[in-house]
Amino acid sequence: MLRLYTDASVTTGVSKHLQAAALSEEQRKHVLAALDAALTDAFYTLLLSLDGAASLSGEQHQFNLTDEAGNLIANGDGSLEEAAWSTFQGSAV
């Protein structure tokens, strides 16, 4: 998503705001770092919520996730949490 927001050939609501801000290169670097951190936190928390390891909207549940063919992807056993940590934080649990 961050690449999409910063791609000059693509127009999104976020990219419009970034362009309108007319940031210096140093400011842009800091704003993009903040956006990257926010997106990482949001996606990581969402995946943990689906795995039952974090609450979403004040409620905590475990979900069964399946692919289009009905094959189980995750069932709240921590596998999604482990994959999310590895992906977003850079090392396995």
PDB file of N, CA and C in Angstrom:
ATOM      1  N   MET A   1       0.826  -1.189   0.000  1.00  0.00           N
ATOM      2  CA  MET A   1       0.000   0.000   0.000  1.00  0.00           C
ATOM      3  C   MET A   1       0.872   1.255   0.000  1.00  0.00           C
ATOM      4  N   LEU A   2       1.968   1.196   0.739  1.00  0.00           N
ATOM      5  CA  LEU A   2       2.837   2.367   0.779  1.00  0.00           C
ATOM      6  C   LEU A   2       3.382   2.690  -0.613  1.00  0.00           C
ATOM      7  N   ARG A   3       3.755   1.657  -1.364  1.00  0.00           N
ATOM      8  CA  ARG A   3       4.228   1.891  -2.743  1.00  0.00           C
ATOM      9  C   ARG A   3       3.131   2.520  -3.590  1.00  0.00           C
ATOM     10  N   LEU A   4       1.912   2.059  -3.405  1.00  0.00           N
ATOM     11  CA  LEU A   4       0.785   2.603  -4.139  1.00  0.00           C
ATOM     12  C   LEU A   4       0.598   4.084  -3.799  1.00  0.00           C
ATOM     13  N   TYR A   5       0.703   4.407  -2.524  1.00  0.00           N
ATOM     14  CA  TYR A   5       0.524   5.791  -2.093  1.00  0.00           C
ATOM     15  C   TYR A   5       1.608   6.721  -2.622  1.00  0.00           C
ATOM     16  N   THR A   6       2.791   6.179  -2.882  1.00  0.00           N
ATOM     17  CA  THR A   6       3.912   7.022  -3.302  1.00  0.00           C
ATOM     18  C   THR A   6       4.187   6.947  -4.794  1.00  0.00           C
ATOM     19  N   ASP A   7       3.435   6.152  -5.521  1.00  0.00           N
ATOM     20  CA  ASP A   7       3.599   6.026  -6.973  1.00  0.00           C
ATOM     21  C   ASP A   7       2.971   7.236  -7.654  1.00  0.00           C
ATOM     22  N   ALA A   8       3.793   8.013  -8.326  1.00  0.00           N
ATOM     23  CA  ALA A   8       3.319   9.248  -8.969  1.00  0.00           C
ATOM     24  C   ALA A   8       2.327   8.979 -10.096  1.00  0.00           C
ATOM     25  N   SER A   9       2.347   7.769 -10.645  1.00  0.00           N
ATOM     26  CA  SER A   9       1.441   7.464 -11.756  1.00  0.00           C
ATOM     27  C   SER A   9       0.067   6.993 -11.283  1.00  0.00           C
ATOM     28  N   VAL A  10      -0.110   6.814  -9.982  1.00  0.00           N
ATOM     29  CA  VAL A  10      -1.375   6.339  -9.423  1.00  0.00           C
ATOM     30  C   VAL A  10      -1.953   7.431  -8.529  1.00  0.00           C
ATOM     31  N   THR A  11      -3.246   7.681  -8.668  1.00  0.00           N
ATOM     32  CA  THR A  11      -3.898   8.690  -7.843  1.00  0.00           C
ATOM     33  C   THR A  11      -4.763   8.012  -6.790  1.00  0.00           C
ATOM     34  N   THR A  12      -4.412   8.247  -5.545  1.00  0.00           N
ATOM     35  CA  THR A  12      -5.220   7.781  -4.413  1.00  0.00           C
ATOM     36  C   THR A  12      -5.480   8.975  -3.514  1.00  0.00           C
ATOM     37  N   GLY A  13      -6.371   8.816  -2.567  1.00  0.00           N
ATOM     38  CA  GLY A  13      -6.631   9.893  -1.612  1.00  0.00           C
ATOM     39  C   GLY A  13      -5.376  10.255  -0.837  1.00  0.00           C
ATOM     40  N   VAL A  14      -4.616   9.238  -0.455  1.00  0.00           N
ATOM     41  CA  VAL A  14      -3.386   9.473   0.305  1.00  0.00           C
ATOM     42  C   VAL A  14      -2.349  10.179  -0.570  1.00  0.00           C
ATOM     43  N   SER A  15      -2.186   9.718  -1.809  1.00  0.00           N
ATOM     44  CA  SER A  15      -1.192  10.348  -2.681  1.00  0.00           C
ATOM     45  C   SER A  15      -1.546  11.805  -2.966  1.00  0.00           C
ATOM     46  N   LYS A  16      -2.832  12.098  -3.079  1.00  0.00           N
ATOM     47  CA  LYS A  16      -3.254  13.493  -3.280  1.00  0.00           C
ATOM     48  C   LYS A  16      -2.835  14.364  -2.098  1.00  0.00           C
ATOM     49  N   HIS A  17      -3.023  13.851  -0.884  1.00  0.00           N
ATOM     50  CA  HIS A  17      -2.625  14.605   0.311  1.00  0.00           C
ATOM     51  C   HIS A  17      -1.107  14.784   0.374  1.00  0.00           C
ATOM     52  N   LEU A  18      -0.375  13.734   0.020  1.00  0.00           N
ATOM     53  CA  LEU A  18       1.085  13.847   0.031  1.00  0.00           C
ATOM     54  C   LEU A  18       1.566  14.888  -0.970  1.00  0.00           C
ATOM     55  N   GLN A  19       0.977  14.894  -2.148  1.00  0.00           N
ATOM     56  CA  GLN A  19       1.373  15.881  -3.164  1.00  0.00           C
ATOM     57  C   GLN A  19       0.981  17.290  -2.740  1.00  0.00           C
ATOM     58  N   ALA A  20      -0.209  17.434  -2.178  1.00  0.00           N
ATOM     59  CA  ALA A  20      -0.684  18.760  -1.766  1.00  0.00           C
ATOM     60  C   ALA A  20       0.146  19.337  -0.625  1.00  0.00           C
ATOM     61  N   ALA A  21       0.748  18.472   0.172  1.00  0.00           N
ATOM     62  CA  ALA A  21       1.544  18.947   1.304  1.00  0.00           C
ATOM     63  C   ALA A  21       2.850  19.605   0.860  1.00  0.00           C
ATOM     64  N   ALA A  22       3.300  19.321  -0.351  1.00  0.00           N
ATOM     65  CA  ALA A  22       4.535  19.910  -0.896  1.00  0.00           C
ATOM     66  C   ALA A  22       5.683  19.796   0.110  1.00  0.00           C
ATOM     67  N   LEU A  23       5.936  18.584   0.566  1.00  0.00           N
ATOM     68  CA  LEU A  23       6.941  18.333   1.581  1.00  0.00           C
ATOM     69  C   LEU A  23       8.349  18.387   1.006  1.00  0.00           C
ATOM     70  N   SER A  24       9.281  18.792   1.848  1.00  0.00           N
ATOM     71  CA  SER A  24      10.689  18.681   1.465  1.00  0.00           C
ATOM     72  C   SER A  24      11.040  17.196   1.481  1.00  0.00           C
ATOM     73  N   GLU A  25      12.189  16.836   0.913  1.00  0.00           N
ATOM     74  CA  GLU A  25      12.599  15.424   0.898  1.00  0.00           C
ATOM     75  C   GLU A  25      12.729  14.879   2.328  1.00  0.00           C
ATOM     76  N   GLU A  26      13.275  15.678   3.226  1.00  0.00           N
ATOM     77  CA  GLU A  26      13.429  15.245   4.624  1.00  0.00           C
ATOM     78  C   GLU A  26      12.063  15.042   5.281  1.00  0.00           C
ATOM     79  N   GLN A  27      11.144  15.962   5.076  1.00  0.00           N
ATOM     80  CA  GLN A  27       9.799  15.823   5.630  1.00  0.00           C
ATOM     81  C   GLN A  27       9.088  14.612   5.045  1.00  0.00           C
ATOM     82  N   ARG A  28       9.217  14.438   3.740  1.00  0.00           N
ATOM     83  CA  ARG A  28       8.574  13.303   3.063  1.00  0.00           C
ATOM     84  C   ARG A  28       9.090  11.984   3.623  1.00  0.00           C
ATOM     85  N   LYS A  29      10.396  11.904   3.871  1.00  0.00           N
ATOM     86  CA  LYS A  29      10.997  10.701   4.440  1.00  0.00           C
ATOM     87  C   LYS A  29      10.345  10.371   5.790  1.00  0.00           C
ATOM     88  N   HIS A  30      10.159  11.369   6.634  1.00  0.00           N
ATOM     89  CA  HIS A  30       9.566  11.151   7.948  1.00  0.00           C
ATOM     90  C   HIS A  30       8.073  10.791   7.864  1.00  0.00           C
ATOM     91  N   VAL A  31       7.354  11.452   6.971  1.00  0.00           N
ATOM     92  CA  VAL A  31       5.929  11.158   6.805  1.00  0.00           C
ATOM     93  C   VAL A  31       5.738   9.731   6.280  1.00  0.00           C
ATOM     94  N   LEU A  32       6.548   9.334   5.306  1.00  0.00           N
ATOM     95  CA  LEU A  32       6.435   7.973   4.763  1.00  0.00           C
ATOM     96  C   LEU A  32       6.840   6.928   5.797  1.00  0.00           C
ATOM     97  N   ALA A  33       7.818   7.238   6.624  1.00  0.00           N
ATOM     98  CA  ALA A  33       8.200   6.314   7.698  1.00  0.00           C
ATOM     99  C   ALA A  33       7.051   6.166   8.696  1.00  0.00           C
ATOM    100  N   ALA A  34       6.359   7.252   8.999  1.00  0.00           N
ATOM    101  CA  ALA A  34       5.216   7.193   9.909  1.00  0.00           C
ATOM    102  C   ALA A  34       4.072   6.391   9.289  1.00  0.00           C
ATOM    103  N   LEU A  35       3.804   6.618   8.002  1.00  0.00           N
ATOM    104  CA  LEU A  35       2.767   5.844   7.310  1.00  0.00           C
ATOM    105  C   LEU A  35       3.114   4.357   7.287  1.00  0.00           C
ATOM    106  N   ASP A  36       4.367   4.035   7.022  1.00  0.00           N
ATOM    107  CA  ASP A  36       4.810   2.650   6.995  1.00  0.00           C
ATOM    108  C   ASP A  36       4.607   1.997   8.358  1.00  0.00           C
ATOM    109  N   ALA A  37       4.978   2.684   9.424  1.00  0.00           N
ATOM    110  CA  ALA A  37       4.809   2.149  10.772  1.00  0.00           C
ATOM    111  C   ALA A  37       3.326   1.959  11.100  1.00  0.00           C
ATOM    112  N   ALA A  38       2.494   2.914  10.714  1.00  0.00           N
ATOM    113  CA  ALA A  38       1.057   2.820  10.985  1.00  0.00           C
ATOM    114  C   ALA A  38       0.427   1.654  10.231  1.00  0.00           C
ATOM    115  N   LEU A  39       0.791   1.492   8.960  1.00  0.00           N
ATOM    116  CA  LEU A  39       0.248   0.373   8.177  1.00  0.00           C
ATOM    117  C   LEU A  39       0.717  -0.965   8.743  1.00  0.00           C
ATOM    118  N   THR A  40       1.984  -1.045   9.118  1.00  0.00           N
ATOM    119  CA  THR A  40       2.521  -2.282   9.707  1.00  0.00           C
ATOM    120  C   THR A  40       1.764  -2.632  10.981  1.00  0.00           C
ATOM    121  N   ASP A  41       1.592  -1.661  11.865  1.00  0.00           N
ATOM    122  CA  ASP A  41       0.864  -1.899  13.116  1.00  0.00           C
ATOM    123  C   ASP A  41      -0.575  -2.323  12.853  1.00  0.00           C
ATOM    124  N   ALA A  42      -1.236  -1.651  11.916  1.00  0.00           N
ATOM    125  CA  ALA A  42      -2.641  -1.952  11.633  1.00  0.00           C
ATOM    126  C   ALA A  42      -2.809  -3.361  11.078  1.00  0.00           C
ATOM    127  N   PHE A  43      -1.991  -3.727  10.104  1.00  0.00           N
ATOM    128  CA  PHE A  43      -2.107  -5.058   9.502  1.00  0.00           C
ATOM    129  C   PHE A  43      -1.698  -6.148  10.483  1.00  0.00           C
ATOM    130  N   TYR A  44      -0.662  -5.906  11.260  1.00  0.00           N
ATOM    131  CA  TYR A  44      -0.220  -6.884  12.260  1.00  0.00           C
ATOM    132  C   TYR A  44      -1.324  -7.115  13.289  1.00  0.00           C
ATOM    133  N   THR A  45      -1.922  -6.045  13.781  1.00  0.00           N
ATOM    134  CA  THR A  45      -2.996  -6.159  14.767  1.00  0.00           C
ATOM    135  C   THR A  45      -4.204  -6.873  14.179  1.00  0.00           C
ATOM    136  N   LEU A  46      -4.547  -6.587  12.938  1.00  0.00           N
ATOM    137  CA  LEU A  46      -5.672  -7.257  12.290  1.00  0.00           C
ATOM    138  C   LEU A  46      -5.424  -8.765  12.190  1.00  0.00           C
ATOM    139  N   LEU A  47      -4.229  -9.149  11.768  1.00  0.00           N
ATOM    140  CA  LEU A  47      -3.916 -10.578  11.673  1.00  0.00           C
ATOM    141  C   LEU A  47      -3.929 -11.252  13.039  1.00  0.00           C
ATOM    142  N   LEU A  48      -3.401 -10.577  14.069  1.00  0.00           N
ATOM    143  CA  LEU A  48      -3.453 -11.147  15.410  1.00  0.00           C
ATOM    144  C   LEU A  48      -4.893 -11.277  15.895  1.00  0.00           C
ATOM    145  N   SER A  49      -5.734 -10.331  15.530  1.00  0.00           N
ATOM    146  CA  SER A  49      -7.148 -10.397  15.908  1.00  0.00           C
ATOM    147  C   SER A  49      -7.830 -11.590  15.256  1.00  0.00           C
ATOM    148  N   LEU A  50      -7.523 -11.857  14.002  1.00  0.00           N
ATOM    149  CA  LEU A  50      -8.104 -13.010  13.316  1.00  0.00           C
ATOM    150  C   LEU A  50      -7.640 -14.322  13.945  1.00  0.00           C
ATOM    151  N   ASP A  51      -6.443 -14.318  14.513  1.00  0.00           N
ATOM    152  CA  ASP A  51      -5.881 -15.518  15.130  1.00  0.00           C
ATOM    153  C   ASP A  51      -6.319 -15.675  16.581  1.00  0.00           C
ATOM    154  N   GLY A  52      -7.059 -14.693  17.106  1.00  0.00           N
ATOM    155  CA  GLY A  52      -7.525 -14.765  18.485  1.00  0.00           C
ATOM    156  C   GLY A  52      -6.517 -14.277  19.497  1.00  0.00           C
ATOM    157  N   ALA A  53      -5.417 -13.689  19.042  1.00  0.00           N
ATOM    158  CA  ALA A  53      -4.363 -13.244  19.945  1.00  0.00           C
ATOM    159  C   ALA A  53      -4.482 -11.766  20.335  1.00  0.00           C
ATOM    160  N   ALA A  54      -5.435 -11.065  19.758  1.00  0.00           N
ATOM    161  CA  ALA A  54      -5.647  -9.650  20.076  1.00  0.00           C
ATOM    162  C   ALA A  54      -7.126  -9.335  19.881  1.00  0.00           C
ATOM    163  N   SER A  55      -7.573  -8.262  20.524  1.00  0.00           N
ATOM    164  CA  SER A  55      -8.980  -7.895  20.371  1.00  0.00           C
ATOM    165  C   SER A  55      -9.152  -6.940  19.195  1.00  0.00           C
ATOM    166  N   LEU A  56     -10.327  -6.995  18.622  1.00  0.00           N
ATOM    167  CA  LEU A  56     -10.707  -6.104  17.537  1.00  0.00           C
ATOM    168  C   LEU A  56     -12.039  -5.485  17.939  1.00  0.00           C
ATOM    169  N   SER A  57     -12.089  -4.179  18.039  1.00  0.00           N
ATOM    170  CA  SER A  57     -13.289  -3.465  18.493  1.00  0.00           C
ATOM    171  C   SER A  57     -13.718  -3.915  19.886  1.00  0.00           C
ATOM    172  N   GLY A  58     -12.721  -4.197  20.730  1.00  0.00           N
ATOM    173  CA  GLY A  58     -13.011  -4.535  22.118  1.00  0.00           C
ATOM    174  C   GLY A  58     -13.424  -5.974  22.352  1.00  0.00           C
ATOM    175  N   GLU A  59     -13.439  -6.793  21.324  1.00  0.00           N
ATOM    176  CA  GLU A  59     -13.811  -8.204  21.479  1.00  0.00           C
ATOM    177  C   GLU A  59     -12.694  -9.076  20.936  1.00  0.00           C
ATOM    178  N   GLN A  60     -12.505 -10.219  21.588  1.00  0.00           N
ATOM    179  CA  GLN A  60     -11.456 -11.136  21.176  1.00  0.00           C
ATOM    180  C   GLN A  60     -12.071 -12.492  20.857  1.00  0.00           C
ATOM    181  N   HIS A  61     -11.861 -12.960  19.630  1.00  0.00           N
ATOM    182  CA  HIS A  61     -12.389 -14.243  19.172  1.00  0.00           C
ATOM    183  C   HIS A  61     -11.331 -14.937  18.326  1.00  0.00           C
ATOM    184  N   GLN A  62     -11.462 -16.251  18.198  1.00  0.00           N
ATOM    185  CA  GLN A  62     -10.642 -16.998  17.258  1.00  0.00           C
ATOM    186  C   GLN A  62     -11.498 -17.271  16.032  1.00  0.00           C
ATOM    187  N   PHE A  63     -10.901 -17.159  14.861  1.00  0.00           N
ATOM    188  CA  PHE A  63     -11.622 -17.373  13.611  1.00  0.00           C
ATOM    189  C   PHE A  63     -10.976 -18.505  12.831  1.00  0.00           C
ATOM    190  N   ASN A  64     -11.789 -19.243  12.107  1.00  0.00           N
ATOM    191  CA  ASN A  64     -11.288 -20.207  11.146  1.00  0.00           C
ATOM    192  C   ASN A  64     -11.221 -19.507   9.800  1.00  0.00           C
ATOM    193  N   LEU A  65     -10.035 -19.483   9.212  1.00  0.00           N
ATOM    194  CA  LEU A  65      -9.851 -18.886   7.897  1.00  0.00           C
ATOM    195  C   LEU A  65      -9.645 -19.997   6.890  1.00  0.00           C
ATOM    196  N   THR A  66     -10.383 -19.926   5.782  1.00  0.00           N
ATOM    197  CA  THR A  66     -10.269 -20.935   4.733  1.00  0.00           C
ATOM    198  C   THR A  66     -10.025 -20.259   3.390  1.00  0.00           C
ATOM    199  N   ASP A  67      -9.453 -21.026   2.471  1.00  0.00           N
ATOM    200  CA  ASP A  67      -9.286 -20.509   1.122  1.00  0.00           C
ATOM    201  C   ASP A  67     -10.566 -20.750   0.322  1.00  0.00           C
ATOM    202  N   GLU A  68     -10.536 -20.426  -0.951  1.00  0.00           N
ATOM    203  CA  GLU A  68     -11.725 -20.538  -1.802  1.00  0.00           C
ATOM    204  C   GLU A  68     -12.254 -21.971  -1.901  1.00  0.00           C
ATOM    205  N   ALA A  69     -11.369 -22.947  -1.728  1.00  0.00           N
ATOM    206  CA  ALA A  69     -11.764 -24.356  -1.825  1.00  0.00           C
ATOM    207  C   ALA A  69     -12.188 -24.933  -0.479  1.00  0.00           C
ATOM    208  N   GLY A  70     -12.186 -24.118   0.555  1.00  0.00           N
ATOM    209  CA  GLY A  70     -12.584 -24.589   1.868  1.00  0.00           C
ATOM    210  C   GLY A  70     -11.453 -25.179   2.689  1.00  0.00           C
ATOM    211  N   ASN A  71     -10.227 -25.117   2.193  1.00  0.00           N
ATOM    212  CA  ASN A  71      -9.078 -25.629   2.936  1.00  0.00           C
ATOM    213  C   ASN A  71      -8.729 -24.687   4.077  1.00  0.00           C
ATOM    214  N   LEU A  72      -8.499 -25.233   5.239  1.00  0.00           N
ATOM    215  CA  LEU A  72      -8.182 -24.444   6.423  1.00  0.00           C
ATOM    216  C   LEU A  72      -6.831 -23.761   6.276  1.00  0.00           C
ATOM    217  N   ILE A  73      -6.802 -22.460   6.509  1.00  0.00           N
ATOM    218  CA  ILE A  73      -5.558 -21.691   6.472  1.00  0.00           C
ATOM    219  C   ILE A  73      -5.073 -21.443   7.897  1.00  0.00           C
ATOM    220  N   ALA A  74      -5.987 -21.051   8.772  1.00  0.00           N
ATOM    221  CA  ALA A  74      -5.650 -20.782  10.168  1.00  0.00           C
ATOM    222  C   ALA A  74      -6.888 -21.021  11.018  1.00  0.00           C
ATOM    223  N   ASN A  75      -6.664 -21.460  12.259  1.00  0.00           N
ATOM    224  CA  ASN A  75      -7.794 -21.765  13.133  1.00  0.00           C
ATOM    225  C   ASN A  75      -7.636 -21.231  14.553  1.00  0.00           C
ATOM    226  N   GLY A  76      -6.826 -20.200  14.715  1.00  0.00           N
ATOM    227  CA  GLY A  76      -6.653 -19.626  16.037  1.00  0.00           C
ATOM    228  C   GLY A  76      -5.639 -20.350  16.887  1.00  0.00           C
ATOM    229  N   ASP A  77      -4.807 -21.176  16.261  1.00  0.00           N
ATOM    230  CA  ASP A  77      -3.812 -21.949  17.008  1.00  0.00           C
ATOM    231  C   ASP A  77      -2.479 -21.236  17.149  1.00  0.00           C
ATOM    232  N   GLY A  78      -2.393 -19.983  16.717  1.00  0.00           N
ATOM    233  CA  GLY A  78      -1.156 -19.211  16.810  1.00  0.00           C
ATOM    234  C   GLY A  78      -0.342 -19.199  15.540  1.00  0.00           C
ATOM    235  N   SER A  79      -0.703 -20.010  14.550  1.00  0.00           N
ATOM    236  CA  SER A  79       0.091 -20.062  13.312  1.00  0.00           C
ATOM    237  C   SER A  79       0.035 -18.742  12.542  1.00  0.00           C
ATOM    238  N   LEU A  80      -1.101 -18.100  12.557  1.00  0.00           N
ATOM    239  CA  LEU A  80      -1.226 -16.812  11.874  1.00  0.00           C
ATOM    240  C   LEU A  80      -0.423 -15.742  12.615  1.00  0.00           C
ATOM    241  N   GLU A  81      -0.467 -15.794  13.934  1.00  0.00           N
ATOM    242  CA  GLU A  81       0.314 -14.851  14.739  1.00  0.00           C
ATOM    243  C   GLU A  81       1.807 -15.010  14.439  1.00  0.00           C
ATOM    244  N   GLU A  82       2.270 -16.247  14.358  1.00  0.00           N
ATOM    245  CA  GLU A  82       3.682 -16.498  14.084  1.00  0.00           C
ATOM    246  C   GLU A  82       4.079 -15.993  12.698  1.00  0.00           C
ATOM    247  N   ALA A  83       3.239 -16.257  11.701  1.00  0.00           N
ATOM    248  CA  ALA A  83       3.521 -15.784  10.339  1.00  0.00           C
ATOM    249  C   ALA A  83       3.494 -14.259  10.275  1.00  0.00           C
ATOM    250  N   ALA A  84       2.552 -13.648  10.983  1.00  0.00           N
ATOM    251  CA  ALA A  84       2.457 -12.180  10.992  1.00  0.00           C
ATOM    252  C   ALA A  84       3.697 -11.576  11.636  1.00  0.00           C
ATOM    253  N   TRP A  85       4.150 -12.159  12.742  1.00  0.00           N
ATOM    254  CA  TRP A  85       5.345 -11.639  13.409  1.00  0.00           C
ATOM    255  C   TRP A  85       6.547 -11.727  12.472  1.00  0.00           C
ATOM    256  N   SER A  86       6.701 -12.885  11.852  1.00  0.00           N
ATOM    257  CA  SER A  86       7.830 -13.090  10.950  1.00  0.00           C
ATOM    258  C   SER A  86       7.793 -12.097   9.785  1.00  0.00           C
ATOM    259  N   THR A  87       6.617 -11.879   9.228  1.00  0.00           N
ATOM    260  CA  THR A  87       6.469 -10.983   8.085  1.00  0.00           C
ATOM    261  C   THR A  87       6.667  -9.522   8.456  1.00  0.00           C
ATOM    262  N   PHE A  88       6.005  -9.079   9.535  1.00  0.00           N
ATOM    263  CA  PHE A  88       6.009  -7.668   9.863  1.00  0.00           C
ATOM    264  C   PHE A  88       7.149  -7.239  10.778  1.00  0.00           C
ATOM    265  N   GLN A  89       7.666  -8.155  11.577  1.00  0.00           N
ATOM    266  CA  GLN A  89       8.711  -7.778  12.515  1.00  0.00           C
ATOM    267  C   GLN A  89      10.083  -8.314  12.110  1.00  0.00           C
ATOM    268  N   GLY A  90      10.114  -9.206  11.112  1.00  0.00           N
ATOM    269  CA  GLY A  90      11.374  -9.615  10.542  1.00  0.00           C
ATOM    270  C   GLY A  90      12.035 -10.845  11.115  1.00  0.00           C
ATOM    271  N   SER A  91      11.434 -11.467  12.131  1.00  0.00           N
ATOM    272  CA  SER A  91      12.014 -12.701  12.655  1.00  0.00           C
ATOM    273  C   SER A  91      10.908 -13.564  13.219  1.00  0.00           C
ATOM    274  N   ALA A  92      11.121 -14.863  13.218  1.00  0.00           N
ATOM    275  CA  ALA A  92      10.118 -15.801  13.728  1.00  0.00           C
ATOM    276  C   ALA A  92      10.023 -15.734  15.229  1.00  0.00           C
ATOM    277  N   VAL A  93       8.867 -16.140  15.745  1.00  0.00           N
ATOM    278  CA  VAL A  93       8.644 -16.186  17.192  1.00  0.00           C
ATOM    279  C   VAL A  93       9.490 -17.275  17.789  1.00  0.00           C
TER     280      VAL A  93
END
